[in-house]
């Protein structure tokens, strides 16, 4: 009889959790906030650069390689990002991009194409 009472209590707790006042249900998808590509004036990818995203104390940095010339960052993080592109410590370009929340769970993805004189 004790076991049966325990099953009823557990069932009621599960029902109560399923019927909470918070209707937000987030999907398991992961939204990239900002995609940055760097090109020369002819539209060719520039891969020997470092790209940095910064929003306040938050910072991401990636040095491109010949096989990976795109930074995909700011995952699920809204903010206003200062984007800098440098090579060997020399600043080549900078821009600012805002990533906004799409809903309570995800951000609206933004893309930035930076053109540098190579």
PDB file of N, CA and C in Angstrom:
ATOM      1  N   UNK A   1       0.822  -1.187   0.000  1.00  0.00           N
ATOM      2  CA  UNK A   1       0.000   0.000   0.000  1.00  0.00           C
ATOM      3  C   UNK A   1       0.870   1.257   0.000  1.00  0.00           C
ATOM      4  N   UNK A   2       1.995   1.226   0.675  1.00  0.00           N
ATOM      5  CA  UNK A   2       2.886   2.372   0.672  1.00  0.00           C
ATOM      6  C   UNK A   2       3.412   2.649  -0.729  1.00  0.00           C
ATOM      7  N   UNK A   3       3.708   1.618  -1.463  1.00  0.00           N
ATOM      8  CA  UNK A   3       4.224   1.802  -2.821  1.00  0.00           C
ATOM      9  C   UNK A   3       3.172   2.468  -3.692  1.00  0.00           C
ATOM     10  N   UNK A   4       1.930   2.055  -3.567  1.00  0.00           N
ATOM     11  CA  UNK A   4       0.858   2.639  -4.373  1.00  0.00           C
ATOM     12  C   UNK A   4       0.703   4.131  -4.055  1.00  0.00           C
ATOM     13  N   UNK A   5       0.770   4.505  -2.788  1.00  0.00           N
ATOM     14  CA  UNK A   5       0.675   5.913  -2.405  1.00  0.00           C
ATOM     15  C   UNK A   5       1.827   6.725  -2.974  1.00  0.00           C
ATOM     16  N   UNK A   6       3.005   6.140  -3.017  1.00  0.00           N
ATOM     17  CA  UNK A   6       4.176   6.809  -3.565  1.00  0.00           C
ATOM     18  C   UNK A   6       3.991   7.068  -5.052  1.00  0.00           C
ATOM     19  N   UNK A   7       3.437   6.123  -5.782  1.00  0.00           N
ATOM     20  CA  UNK A   7       3.187   6.287  -7.218  1.00  0.00           C
ATOM     21  C   UNK A   7       2.222   7.434  -7.452  1.00  0.00           C
ATOM     22  N   UNK A   8       1.181   7.546  -6.645  1.00  0.00           N
ATOM     23  CA  UNK A   8       0.209   8.630  -6.787  1.00  0.00           C
ATOM     24  C   UNK A   8       0.877   9.970  -6.537  1.00  0.00           C
ATOM     25  N   UNK A   9       1.702  10.089  -5.497  1.00  0.00           N
ATOM     26  CA  UNK A   9       2.392  11.346  -5.188  1.00  0.00           C
ATOM     27  C   UNK A   9       3.347  11.720  -6.308  1.00  0.00           C
ATOM     28  N   UNK A  10       4.146  10.781  -6.813  1.00  0.00           N
ATOM     29  CA  UNK A  10       5.075  11.056  -7.906  1.00  0.00           C
ATOM     30  C   UNK A  10       4.306  11.496  -9.145  1.00  0.00           C
ATOM     31  N   UNK A  11       3.199  10.838  -9.449  1.00  0.00           N
ATOM     32  CA  UNK A  11       2.374  11.221 -10.594  1.00  0.00           C
ATOM     33  C   UNK A  11       1.831  12.626 -10.450  1.00  0.00           C
ATOM     34  N   UNK A  12       1.409  13.008  -9.252  1.00  0.00           N
ATOM     35  CA  UNK A  12       0.892  14.357  -9.034  1.00  0.00           C
ATOM     36  C   UNK A  12       1.991  15.402  -9.169  1.00  0.00           C
ATOM     37  N   UNK A  13       3.206  15.085  -8.706  1.00  0.00           N
ATOM     38  CA  UNK A  13       4.326  16.016  -8.862  1.00  0.00           C
ATOM     39  C   UNK A  13       4.674  16.213 -10.333  1.00  0.00           C
ATOM     40  N   UNK A  14       4.683  15.145 -11.099  1.00  0.00           N
ATOM     41  CA  UNK A  14       4.981  15.239 -12.526  1.00  0.00           C
ATOM     42  C   UNK A  14       3.903  16.056 -13.236  1.00  0.00           C
ATOM     43  N   UNK A  15       2.638  15.848 -12.888  1.00  0.00           N
ATOM     44  CA  UNK A  15       1.561  16.606 -13.492  1.00  0.00           C
ATOM     45  C   UNK A  15       1.686  18.087 -13.154  1.00  0.00           C
ATOM     46  N   UNK A  16       2.044  18.393 -11.914  1.00  0.00           N
ATOM     47  CA  UNK A  16       2.209  19.783 -11.496  1.00  0.00           C
ATOM     48  C   UNK A  16       3.341  20.467 -12.236  1.00  0.00           C
ATOM     49  N   UNK A  17       4.427  19.757 -12.476  1.00  0.00           N
ATOM     50  CA  UNK A  17       5.556  20.338 -13.208  1.00  0.00           C
ATOM     51  C   UNK A  17       5.174  20.589 -14.658  1.00  0.00           C
ATOM     52  N   UNK A  18       4.396  19.699 -15.249  1.00  0.00           N
ATOM     53  CA  UNK A  18       3.989  19.850 -16.647  1.00  0.00           C
ATOM     54  C   UNK A  18       2.998  20.994 -16.814  1.00  0.00           C
ATOM     55  N   UNK A  19       2.297  21.364 -15.768  1.00  0.00           N
ATOM     56  CA  UNK A  19       1.278  22.402 -15.845  1.00  0.00           C
ATOM     57  C   UNK A  19       1.740  23.680 -15.154  1.00  0.00           C
ATOM     58  N   UNK A  20       3.009  24.014 -15.249  1.00  0.00           N
ATOM     59  CA  UNK A  20       3.513  25.216 -14.590  1.00  0.00           C
ATOM     60  C   UNK A  20       3.026  26.454 -15.332  1.00  0.00           C
ATOM     61  N   UNK A  21       3.224  27.620 -14.740  1.00  0.00           N
ATOM     62  CA  UNK A  21       2.791  28.882 -15.334  1.00  0.00           C
ATOM     63  C   UNK A  21       3.742  29.371 -16.419  1.00  0.00           C
ATOM     64  N   UNK A  22       4.906  28.766 -16.585  1.00  0.00           N
ATOM     65  CA  UNK A  22       5.884  29.197 -17.577  1.00  0.00           C
ATOM     66  C   UNK A  22       5.669  28.424 -18.872  1.00  0.00           C
ATOM     67  N   UNK A  23       5.078  29.069 -19.896  1.00  0.00           N
ATOM     68  CA  UNK A  23       4.776  28.360 -21.137  1.00  0.00           C
ATOM     69  C   UNK A  23       5.965  28.258 -22.102  1.00  0.00           C
ATOM     70  N   UNK A  24       7.117  28.799 -21.744  1.00  0.00           N
ATOM     71  CA  UNK A  24       8.273  28.800 -22.630  1.00  0.00           C
ATOM     72  C   UNK A  24       8.841  27.395 -22.780  1.00  0.00           C
ATOM     73  N   UNK A  25       8.888  26.936 -24.018  1.00  0.00           N
ATOM     74  CA  UNK A  25       9.512  25.658 -24.328  1.00  0.00           C
ATOM     75  C   UNK A  25      10.503  25.926 -25.454  1.00  0.00           C
ATOM     76  N   UNK A  26      11.768  25.796 -25.163  1.00  0.00           N
ATOM     77  CA  UNK A  26      12.801  26.069 -26.153  1.00  0.00           C
ATOM     78  C   UNK A  26      13.153  24.796 -26.911  1.00  0.00           C
ATOM     79  N   UNK A  27      13.434  24.962 -28.179  1.00  0.00           N
ATOM     80  CA  UNK A  27      13.869  23.824 -28.985  1.00  0.00           C
ATOM     81  C   UNK A  27      15.323  23.530 -28.680  1.00  0.00           C
ATOM     82  N   UNK A  28      15.795  22.401 -29.125  1.00  0.00           N
ATOM     83  CA  UNK A  28      17.185  22.014 -28.902  1.00  0.00           C
ATOM     84  C   UNK A  28      18.143  22.616 -29.915  1.00  0.00           C
ATOM     85  N   UNK A  29      17.646  23.443 -30.832  1.00  0.00           N
ATOM     86  CA  UNK A  29      18.535  24.036 -31.836  1.00  0.00           C
ATOM     87  C   UNK A  29      19.406  25.116 -31.206  1.00  0.00           C
ATOM     88  N   UNK A  30      20.546  25.369 -31.827  1.00  0.00           N
ATOM     89  CA  UNK A  30      21.521  26.338 -31.331  1.00  0.00           C
ATOM     90  C   UNK A  30      21.714  27.381 -32.424  1.00  0.00           C
ATOM     91  N   UNK A  31      21.418  28.628 -32.124  1.00  0.00           N
ATOM     92  CA  UNK A  31      21.514  29.689 -33.122  1.00  0.00           C
ATOM     93  C   UNK A  31      22.828  30.437 -32.995  1.00  0.00           C
ATOM     94  N   UNK A  32      23.565  30.481 -34.085  1.00  0.00           N
ATOM     95  CA  UNK A  32      24.787  31.284 -34.159  1.00  0.00           C
ATOM     96  C   UNK A  32      24.353  32.740 -34.256  1.00  0.00           C
ATOM     97  N   UNK A  33      24.917  33.586 -33.429  1.00  0.00           N
ATOM     98  CA  UNK A  33      24.538  34.994 -33.432  1.00  0.00           C
ATOM     99  C   UNK A  33      25.160  35.784 -34.563  1.00  0.00           C
ATOM    100  N   UNK A  34      26.421  35.489 -34.879  1.00  0.00           N
ATOM    101  CA  UNK A  34      27.135  36.308 -35.859  1.00  0.00           C
ATOM    102  C   UNK A  34      28.101  35.456 -36.665  1.00  0.00           C
ATOM    103  N   UNK A  35      28.018  35.586 -37.977  1.00  0.00           N
ATOM    104  CA  UNK A  35      28.943  34.934 -38.898  1.00  0.00           C
ATOM    105  C   UNK A  35      29.739  36.026 -39.589  1.00  0.00           C
ATOM    106  N   UNK A  36      31.073  35.933 -39.530  1.00  0.00           N
ATOM    107  CA  UNK A  36      31.941  36.954 -40.119  1.00  0.00           C
ATOM    108  C   UNK A  36      32.826  36.313 -41.176  1.00  0.00           C
ATOM    109  N   UNK A  37      32.802  36.894 -42.367  1.00  0.00           N
ATOM    110  CA  UNK A  37      33.718  36.482 -43.430  1.00  0.00           C
ATOM    111  C   UNK A  37      34.540  37.697 -43.848  1.00  0.00           C
ATOM    112  N   UNK A  38      35.751  37.448 -44.315  1.00  0.00           N
ATOM    113  CA  UNK A  38      36.646  38.527 -44.736  1.00  0.00           C
ATOM    114  C   UNK A  38      37.034  38.259 -46.179  1.00  0.00           C
ATOM    115  N   UNK A  39      36.914  39.299 -47.017  1.00  0.00           N
ATOM    116  CA  UNK A  39      37.233  39.178 -48.439  1.00  0.00           C
ATOM    117  C   UNK A  39      38.111  40.335 -48.881  1.00  0.00           C
ATOM    118  N   UNK A  40      38.809  40.117 -50.000  1.00  0.00           N
ATOM    119  CA  UNK A  40      39.530  41.228 -50.608  1.00  0.00           C
ATOM    120  C   UNK A  40      38.573  41.955 -51.548  1.00  0.00           C
ATOM    121  N   UNK A  41      39.039  43.030 -52.181  1.00  0.00           N
ATOM    122  CA  UNK A  41      38.165  43.843 -53.038  1.00  0.00           C
ATOM    123  C   UNK A  41      37.662  43.072 -54.254  1.00  0.00           C
ATOM    124  N   UNK A  42      38.305  41.967 -54.612  1.00  0.00           N
ATOM    125  CA  UNK A  42      37.857  41.131 -55.721  1.00  0.00           C
ATOM    126  C   UNK A  42      36.872  40.050 -55.301  1.00  0.00           C
ATOM    127  N   UNK A  43      36.523  39.982 -54.023  1.00  0.00           N
ATOM    128  CA  UNK A  43      35.569  39.001 -53.540  1.00  0.00           C
ATOM    129  C   UNK A  43      36.176  37.673 -53.128  1.00  0.00           C
ATOM    130  N   UNK A  44      37.510  37.583 -53.132  1.00  0.00           N
ATOM    131  CA  UNK A  44      38.187  36.346 -52.723  1.00  0.00           C
ATOM    132  C   UNK A  44      38.336  36.309 -51.201  1.00  0.00           C
ATOM    133  N   UNK A  45      38.171  35.133 -50.596  1.00  0.00           N
ATOM    134  CA  UNK A  45      38.335  35.029 -49.139  1.00  0.00           C
ATOM    135  C   UNK A  45      39.752  35.391 -48.699  1.00  0.00           C
ATOM    136  N   UNK A  46      39.848  36.092 -47.594  1.00  0.00           N
ATOM    137  CA  UNK A  46      41.132  36.414 -46.974  1.00  0.00           C
ATOM    138  C   UNK A  46      41.212  35.572 -45.711  1.00  0.00           C
ATOM    139  N   UNK A  47      42.221  34.698 -45.663  1.00  0.00           N
ATOM    140  CA  UNK A  47      42.257  33.711 -44.588  1.00  0.00           C
ATOM    141  C   UNK A  47      43.402  33.885 -43.598  1.00  0.00           C
ATOM    142  N   UNK A  48      44.313  34.793 -43.842  1.00  0.00           N
ATOM    143  CA  UNK A  48      45.452  34.955 -42.936  1.00  0.00           C
ATOM    144  C   UNK A  48      45.243  36.139 -41.993  1.00  0.00           C
ATOM    145  N   UNK A  49      44.057  36.162 -41.364  1.00  0.00           N
ATOM    146  CA  UNK A  49      43.708  37.256 -40.463  1.00  0.00           C
ATOM    147  C   UNK A  49      43.157  36.691 -39.146  1.00  0.00           C
ATOM    148  N   UNK A  50      43.067  37.575 -38.163  1.00  0.00           N
ATOM    149  CA  UNK A  50      42.440  37.249 -36.883  1.00  0.00           C
ATOM    150  C   UNK A  50      41.216  38.137 -36.743  1.00  0.00           C
ATOM    151  N   UNK A  51      40.097  37.537 -36.390  1.00  0.00           N
ATOM    152  CA  UNK A  51      38.850  38.272 -36.196  1.00  0.00           C
ATOM    153  C   UNK A  51      38.470  38.179 -34.726  1.00  0.00           C
ATOM    154  N   UNK A  52      38.107  39.339 -34.168  1.00  0.00           N
ATOM    155  CA  UNK A  52      37.719  39.383 -32.754  1.00  0.00           C
ATOM    156  C   UNK A  52      36.332  40.004 -32.643  1.00  0.00           C
ATOM    157  N   UNK A  53      35.478  39.358 -31.838  1.00  0.00           N
ATOM    158  CA  UNK A  53      34.161  39.880 -31.487  1.00  0.00           C
ATOM    159  C   UNK A  53      34.208  40.288 -30.029  1.00  0.00           C
ATOM    160  N   UNK A  54      33.735  41.491 -29.719  1.00  0.00           N
ATOM    161  CA  UNK A  54      33.744  41.912 -28.319  1.00  0.00           C
ATOM    162  C   UNK A  54      32.484  42.695 -28.002  1.00  0.00           C
ATOM    163  N   UNK A  55      31.856  42.322 -26.894  1.00  0.00           N
ATOM    164  CA  UNK A  55      30.682  43.008 -26.363  1.00  0.00           C
ATOM    165  C   UNK A  55      30.911  43.137 -24.864  1.00  0.00           C
ATOM    166  N   UNK A  56      31.349  44.315 -24.422  1.00  0.00           N
ATOM    167  CA  UNK A  56      31.680  44.501 -23.011  1.00  0.00           C
ATOM    168  C   UNK A  56      32.832  43.590 -22.626  1.00  0.00           C
ATOM    169  N   UNK A  57      32.675  42.821 -21.565  1.00  0.00           N
ATOM    170  CA  UNK A  57      33.728  41.916 -21.102  1.00  0.00           C
ATOM    171  C   UNK A  57      33.768  40.604 -21.907  1.00  0.00           C
ATOM    172  N   UNK A  58      32.722  40.340 -22.690  1.00  0.00           N
ATOM    173  CA  UNK A  58      32.669  39.111 -23.491  1.00  0.00           C
ATOM    174  C   UNK A  58      33.524  39.270 -24.743  1.00  0.00           C
ATOM    175  N   UNK A  59      34.347  38.263 -25.047  1.00  0.00           N
ATOM    176  CA  UNK A  59      35.207  38.332 -26.221  1.00  0.00           C
ATOM    177  C   UNK A  59      35.423  36.949 -26.810  1.00  0.00           C
ATOM    178  N   UNK A  60      35.385  36.891 -28.126  1.00  0.00           N
ATOM    179  CA  UNK A  60      35.746  35.685 -28.885  1.00  0.00           C
ATOM    180  C   UNK A  60      36.773  36.108 -29.919  1.00  0.00           C
ATOM    181  N   UNK A  61      37.726  35.235 -30.176  1.00  0.00           N
ATOM    182  CA  UNK A  61      38.757  35.549 -31.167  1.00  0.00           C
ATOM    183  C   UNK A  61      39.089  34.287 -31.945  1.00  0.00           C
ATOM    184  N   UNK A  62      39.299  34.449 -33.240  1.00  0.00           N
ATOM    185  CA  UNK A  62      39.644  33.303 -34.079  1.00  0.00           C
ATOM    186  C   UNK A  62      40.651  33.746 -35.126  1.00  0.00           C
ATOM    187  N   UNK A  63      41.723  32.980 -35.262  1.00  0.00           N
ATOM    188  CA  UNK A  63      42.673  33.186 -36.350  1.00  0.00           C
ATOM    189  C   UNK A  63      42.273  32.231 -37.459  1.00  0.00           C
ATOM    190  N   UNK A  64      41.965  32.797 -38.616  1.00  0.00           N
ATOM    191  CA  UNK A  64      41.527  31.988 -39.746  1.00  0.00           C
ATOM    192  C   UNK A  64      42.663  31.110 -40.243  1.00  0.00           C
ATOM    193  N   UNK A  65      42.287  30.014 -40.861  1.00  0.00           N
ATOM    194  CA  UNK A  65      43.257  29.135 -41.509  1.00  0.00           C
ATOM    195  C   UNK A  65      42.879  29.023 -42.978  1.00  0.00           C
ATOM    196  N   UNK A  66      43.726  28.418 -43.771  1.00  0.00           N
ATOM    197  CA  UNK A  66      43.445  28.271 -45.198  1.00  0.00           C
ATOM    198  C   UNK A  66      42.217  27.416 -45.453  1.00  0.00           C
ATOM    199  N   UNK A  67      41.835  26.575 -44.499  1.00  0.00           N
ATOM    200  CA  UNK A  67      40.680  25.702 -44.696  1.00  0.00           C
ATOM    201  C   UNK A  67      39.438  26.194 -43.966  1.00  0.00           C
ATOM    202  N   UNK A  68      39.567  27.229 -43.132  1.00  0.00           N
ATOM    203  CA  UNK A  68      38.426  27.723 -42.353  1.00  0.00           C
ATOM    204  C   UNK A  68      38.503  29.238 -42.265  1.00  0.00           C
ATOM    205  N   UNK A  69      37.836  29.899 -43.192  1.00  0.00           N
ATOM    206  CA  UNK A  69      37.935  31.357 -43.325  1.00  0.00           C
ATOM    207  C   UNK A  69      36.662  32.073 -42.876  1.00  0.00           C
ATOM    208  N   UNK A  70      35.952  31.508 -41.924  1.00  0.00           N
ATOM    209  CA  UNK A  70      34.725  32.119 -41.422  1.00  0.00           C
ATOM    210  C   UNK A  70      34.690  31.973 -39.904  1.00  0.00           C
ATOM    211  N   UNK A  71      34.303  33.029 -39.222  1.00  0.00           N
ATOM    212  CA  UNK A  71      34.091  32.952 -37.780  1.00  0.00           C
ATOM    213  C   UNK A  71      32.590  32.848 -37.552  1.00  0.00           C
ATOM    214  N   UNK A  72      32.190  31.835 -36.829  1.00  0.00           N
ATOM    215  CA  UNK A  72      30.793  31.682 -36.422  1.00  0.00           C
ATOM    216  C   UNK A  72      30.782  31.769 -34.906  1.00  0.00           C
ATOM    217  N   UNK A  73      30.256  32.879 -34.382  1.00  0.00           N
ATOM    218  CA  UNK A  73      30.335  33.095 -32.943  1.00  0.00           C
ATOM    219  C   UNK A  73      29.084  33.725 -32.370  1.00  0.00           C
ATOM    220  N   UNK A  74      29.219  34.212 -31.150  1.00  0.00           N
ATOM    221  CA  UNK A  74      28.120  34.842 -30.407  1.00  0.00           C
ATOM    222  C   UNK A  74      26.912  33.913 -30.347  1.00  0.00           C
ATOM    223  N   UNK A  75      27.169  32.629 -30.134  1.00  0.00           N
ATOM    224  CA  UNK A  75      26.095  31.643 -30.097  1.00  0.00           C
ATOM    225  C   UNK A  75      25.093  31.926 -28.985  1.00  0.00           C
ATOM    226  N   UNK A  76      23.851  32.082 -29.373  1.00  0.00           N
ATOM    227  CA  UNK A  76      22.743  32.331 -28.435  1.00  0.00           C
ATOM    228  C   UNK A  76      23.022  33.508 -27.500  1.00  0.00           C
ATOM    229  N   UNK A  77      23.755  34.528 -28.017  1.00  0.00           N
ATOM    230  CA  UNK A  77      24.125  35.661 -27.175  1.00  0.00           C
ATOM    231  C   UNK A  77      23.824  36.982 -27.884  1.00  0.00           C
ATOM    232  N   UNK A  78      22.753  37.640 -27.454  1.00  0.00           N
ATOM    233  CA  UNK A  78      22.417  38.950 -28.001  1.00  0.00           C
ATOM    234  C   UNK A  78      23.418  39.981 -27.478  1.00  0.00           C
ATOM    235  N   UNK A  79      23.663  41.020 -28.263  1.00  0.00           N
ATOM    236  CA  UNK A  79      24.564  42.082 -27.830  1.00  0.00           C
ATOM    237  C   UNK A  79      24.985  42.938 -29.001  1.00  0.00           C
ATOM    238  N   UNK A  80      25.755  43.974 -28.696  1.00  0.00           N
ATOM    239  CA  UNK A  80      26.328  44.833 -29.726  1.00  0.00           C
ATOM    240  C   UNK A  80      27.818  44.556 -29.751  1.00  0.00           C
ATOM    241  N   UNK A  81      28.278  44.010 -30.855  1.00  0.00           N
ATOM    242  CA  UNK A  81      29.649  43.519 -30.965  1.00  0.00           C
ATOM    243  C   UNK A  81      30.522  44.462 -31.774  1.00  0.00           C
ATOM    244  N   UNK A  82      31.677  44.739 -31.232  1.00  0.00           N
ATOM    245  CA  UNK A  82      32.735  45.424 -31.984  1.00  0.00           C
ATOM    246  C   UNK A  82      33.519  44.313 -32.663  1.00  0.00           C
ATOM    247  N   UNK A  83      33.596  44.363 -33.982  1.00  0.00           N
ATOM    248  CA  UNK A  83      34.276  43.339 -34.769  1.00  0.00           C
ATOM    249  C   UNK A  83      35.549  43.951 -35.332  1.00  0.00           C
ATOM    250  N   UNK A  84      36.690  43.340 -35.014  1.00  0.00           N
ATOM    251  CA  UNK A  84      37.955  43.826 -35.558  1.00  0.00           C
ATOM    252  C   UNK A  84      38.624  42.717 -36.357  1.00  0.00           C
ATOM    253  N   UNK A  85      39.281  43.134 -37.438  1.00  0.00           N
ATOM    254  CA  UNK A  85      40.042  42.219 -38.282  1.00  0.00           C
ATOM    255  C   UNK A  85      41.474  42.726 -38.286  1.00  0.00           C
ATOM    256  N   UNK A  86      42.406  41.837 -37.937  1.00  0.00           N
ATOM    257  CA  UNK A  86      43.818  42.248 -37.886  1.00  0.00           C
ATOM    258  C   UNK A  86      44.703  41.166 -38.492  1.00  0.00           C
ATOM    259  N   UNK A  87      45.908  41.597 -38.823  1.00  0.00           N
ATOM    260  CA  UNK A  87      46.923  40.670 -39.314  1.00  0.00           C
ATOM    261  C   UNK A  87      48.250  41.096 -38.704  1.00  0.00           C
ATOM    262  N   UNK A  88      48.872  40.186 -37.977  1.00  0.00           N
ATOM    263  CA  UNK A  88      50.167  40.486 -37.374  1.00  0.00           C
ATOM    264  C   UNK A  88      50.148  41.696 -36.457  1.00  0.00           C
ATOM    265  N   UNK A  89      49.060  41.903 -35.764  1.00  0.00           N
ATOM    266  CA  UNK A  89      48.961  43.034 -34.837  1.00  0.00           C
ATOM    267  C   UNK A  89      48.524  44.332 -35.489  1.00  0.00           C
ATOM    268  N   UNK A  90      48.349  44.354 -36.815  1.00  0.00           N
ATOM    269  CA  UNK A  90      47.913  45.553 -37.524  1.00  0.00           C
ATOM    270  C   UNK A  90      46.411  45.479 -37.785  1.00  0.00           C
ATOM    271  N   UNK A  91      45.693  46.506 -37.344  1.00  0.00           N
ATOM    272  CA  UNK A  91      44.255  46.565 -37.548  1.00  0.00           C
ATOM    273  C   UNK A  91      43.963  46.827 -39.020  1.00  0.00           C
ATOM    274  N   UNK A  92      43.187  45.941 -39.641  1.00  0.00           N
ATOM    275  CA  UNK A  92      42.821  46.096 -41.055  1.00  0.00           C
ATOM    276  C   UNK A  92      41.418  46.678 -41.228  1.00  0.00           C
ATOM    277  N   UNK A  93      40.520  46.350 -40.315  1.00  0.00           N
ATOM    278  CA  UNK A  93      39.140  46.838 -40.416  1.00  0.00           C
ATOM    279  C   UNK A  93      38.448  46.657 -39.075  1.00  0.00           C
ATOM    280  N   UNK A  94      37.414  47.465 -38.872  1.00  0.00           N
ATOM    281  CA  UNK A  94      36.560  47.269 -37.706  1.00  0.00           C
ATOM    282  C   UNK A  94      35.154  47.723 -38.038  1.00  0.00           C
ATOM    283  N   UNK A  95      34.199  47.130 -37.362  1.00  0.00           N
ATOM    284  CA  UNK A  95      32.793  47.429 -37.594  1.00  0.00           C
ATOM    285  C   UNK A  95      32.029  47.113 -36.310  1.00  0.00           C
ATOM    286  N   UNK A  96      30.765  47.452 -36.298  1.00  0.00           N
ATOM    287  CA  UNK A  96      29.921  47.152 -35.146  1.00  0.00           C
ATOM    288  C   UNK A  96      28.634  46.512 -35.646  1.00  0.00           C
ATOM    289  N   UNK A  97      28.208  45.441 -34.983  1.00  0.00           N
ATOM    290  CA  UNK A  97      27.009  44.699 -35.381  1.00  0.00           C
ATOM    291  C   UNK A  97      26.192  44.382 -34.140  1.00  0.00           C
ATOM    292  N   UNK A  98      24.884  44.556 -34.250  1.00  0.00           N
ATOM    293  CA  UNK A  98      23.981  44.191 -33.156  1.00  0.00           C
ATOM    294  C   UNK A  98      23.325  42.858 -33.464  1.00  0.00           C
ATOM    295  N   UNK A  99      23.350  41.982 -32.474  1.00  0.00           N
ATOM    296  CA  UNK A  99      22.670  40.694 -32.550  1.00  0.00           C
ATOM    297  C   UNK A  99      21.494  40.790 -31.588  1.00  0.00           C
ATOM    298  N   UNK A 100      20.305  40.595 -32.118  1.00  0.00           N
ATOM    299  CA  UNK A 100      19.097  40.745 -31.310  1.00  0.00           C
ATOM    300  C   UNK A 100      18.503  39.388 -30.948  1.00  0.00           C
ATOM    301  N   UNK A 101      17.787  39.383 -29.859  1.00  0.00           N
ATOM    302  CA  UNK A 101      17.054  38.177 -29.465  1.00  0.00           C
ATOM    303  C   UNK A 101      15.894  37.996 -30.430  1.00  0.00           C
ATOM    304  N   UNK A 102      15.728  36.780 -30.916  1.00  0.00           N
ATOM    305  CA  UNK A 102      14.598  36.479 -31.801  1.00  0.00           C
ATOM    306  C   UNK A 102      13.356  36.168 -30.978  1.00  0.00           C
ATOM    307  N   UNK A 103      13.554  35.452 -29.888  1.00  0.00           N
ATOM    308  CA  UNK A 103      12.481  35.109 -28.967  1.00  0.00           C
ATOM    309  C   UNK A 103      13.124  34.864 -27.606  1.00  0.00           C
ATOM    310  N   UNK A 104      12.425  34.232 -26.700  1.00  0.00           N
ATOM    311  CA  UNK A 104      12.959  34.003 -25.356  1.00  0.00           C
ATOM    312  C   UNK A 104      14.087  32.989 -25.325  1.00  0.00           C
ATOM    313  N   UNK A 105      14.286  32.259 -26.424  1.00  0.00           N
ATOM    314  CA  UNK A 105      15.255  31.169 -26.430  1.00  0.00           C
ATOM    315  C   UNK A 105      16.453  31.403 -27.349  1.00  0.00           C
ATOM    316  N   UNK A 106      16.250  32.054 -28.463  1.00  0.00           N
ATOM    317  CA  UNK A 106      17.283  32.116 -29.491  1.00  0.00           C
ATOM    318  C   UNK A 106      17.539  33.547 -29.961  1.00  0.00           C
ATOM    319  N   UNK A 107      18.657  33.715 -30.660  1.00  0.00           N
ATOM    320  CA  UNK A 107      18.988  35.005 -31.243  1.00  0.00           C
ATOM    321  C   UNK A 107      18.703  34.978 -32.736  1.00  0.00           C
ATOM    322  N   UNK A 108      18.585  36.161 -33.307  1.00  0.00           N
ATOM    323  CA  UNK A 108      18.413  36.307 -34.747  1.00  0.00           C
ATOM    324  C   UNK A 108      19.812  36.384 -35.354  1.00  0.00           C
ATOM    325  N   UNK A 109      20.164  35.450 -36.188  1.00  0.00           N
ATOM    326  CA  UNK A 109      21.510  35.379 -36.755  1.00  0.00           C
ATOM    327  C   UNK A 109      21.782  36.563 -37.685  1.00  0.00           C
ATOM    328  N   UNK A 110      22.993  37.094 -37.584  1.00  0.00           N
ATOM    329  CA  UNK A 110      23.448  38.184 -38.431  1.00  0.00           C
ATOM    330  C   UNK A 110      24.708  37.733 -39.160  1.00  0.00           C
ATOM    331  N   UNK A 111      24.940  38.303 -40.344  1.00  0.00           N
ATOM    332  CA  UNK A 111      26.159  38.020 -41.105  1.00  0.00           C
ATOM    333  C   UNK A 111      26.862  39.330 -41.396  1.00  0.00           C
ATOM    334  N   UNK A 112      28.181  39.289 -41.336  1.00  0.00           N
ATOM    335  CA  UNK A 112      28.984  40.467 -41.643  1.00  0.00           C
ATOM    336  C   UNK A 112      30.068  40.048 -42.626  1.00  0.00           C
ATOM    337  N   UNK A 113      30.116  40.746 -43.753  1.00  0.00           N
ATOM    338  CA  UNK A 113      31.169  40.515 -44.749  1.00  0.00           C
ATOM    339  C   UNK A 113      32.086  41.735 -44.677  1.00  0.00           C
ATOM    340  N   UNK A 114      33.330  41.495 -44.315  1.00  0.00           N
ATOM    341  CA  UNK A 114      34.305  42.583 -44.187  1.00  0.00           C
ATOM    342  C   UNK A 114      35.214  42.535 -45.421  1.00  0.00           C
ATOM    343  N   UNK A 115      35.352  43.689 -46.071  1.00  0.00           N
ATOM    344  CA  UNK A 115      36.228  43.785 -47.238  1.00  0.00           C
ATOM    345  C   UNK A 115      37.477  44.545 -46.831  1.00  0.00           C
ATOM    346  N   UNK A 116      38.638  43.932 -47.077  1.00  0.00           N
ATOM    347  CA  UNK A 116      39.916  44.573 -46.734  1.00  0.00           C
ATOM    348  C   UNK A 116      40.762  44.705 -47.992  1.00  0.00           C
ATOM    349  N   UNK A 117      41.614  45.713 -48.007  1.00  0.00           N
ATOM    350  CA  UNK A 117      42.594  45.861 -49.079  1.00  0.00           C
ATOM    351  C   UNK A 117      43.727  44.891 -48.776  1.00  0.00           C
ATOM    352  N   UNK A 118      43.963  43.979 -49.691  1.00  0.00           N
ATOM    353  CA  UNK A 118      44.963  42.963 -49.437  1.00  0.00           C
ATOM    354  C   UNK A 118      46.209  43.195 -50.258  1.00  0.00           C
TER     355      UNK A 118
END
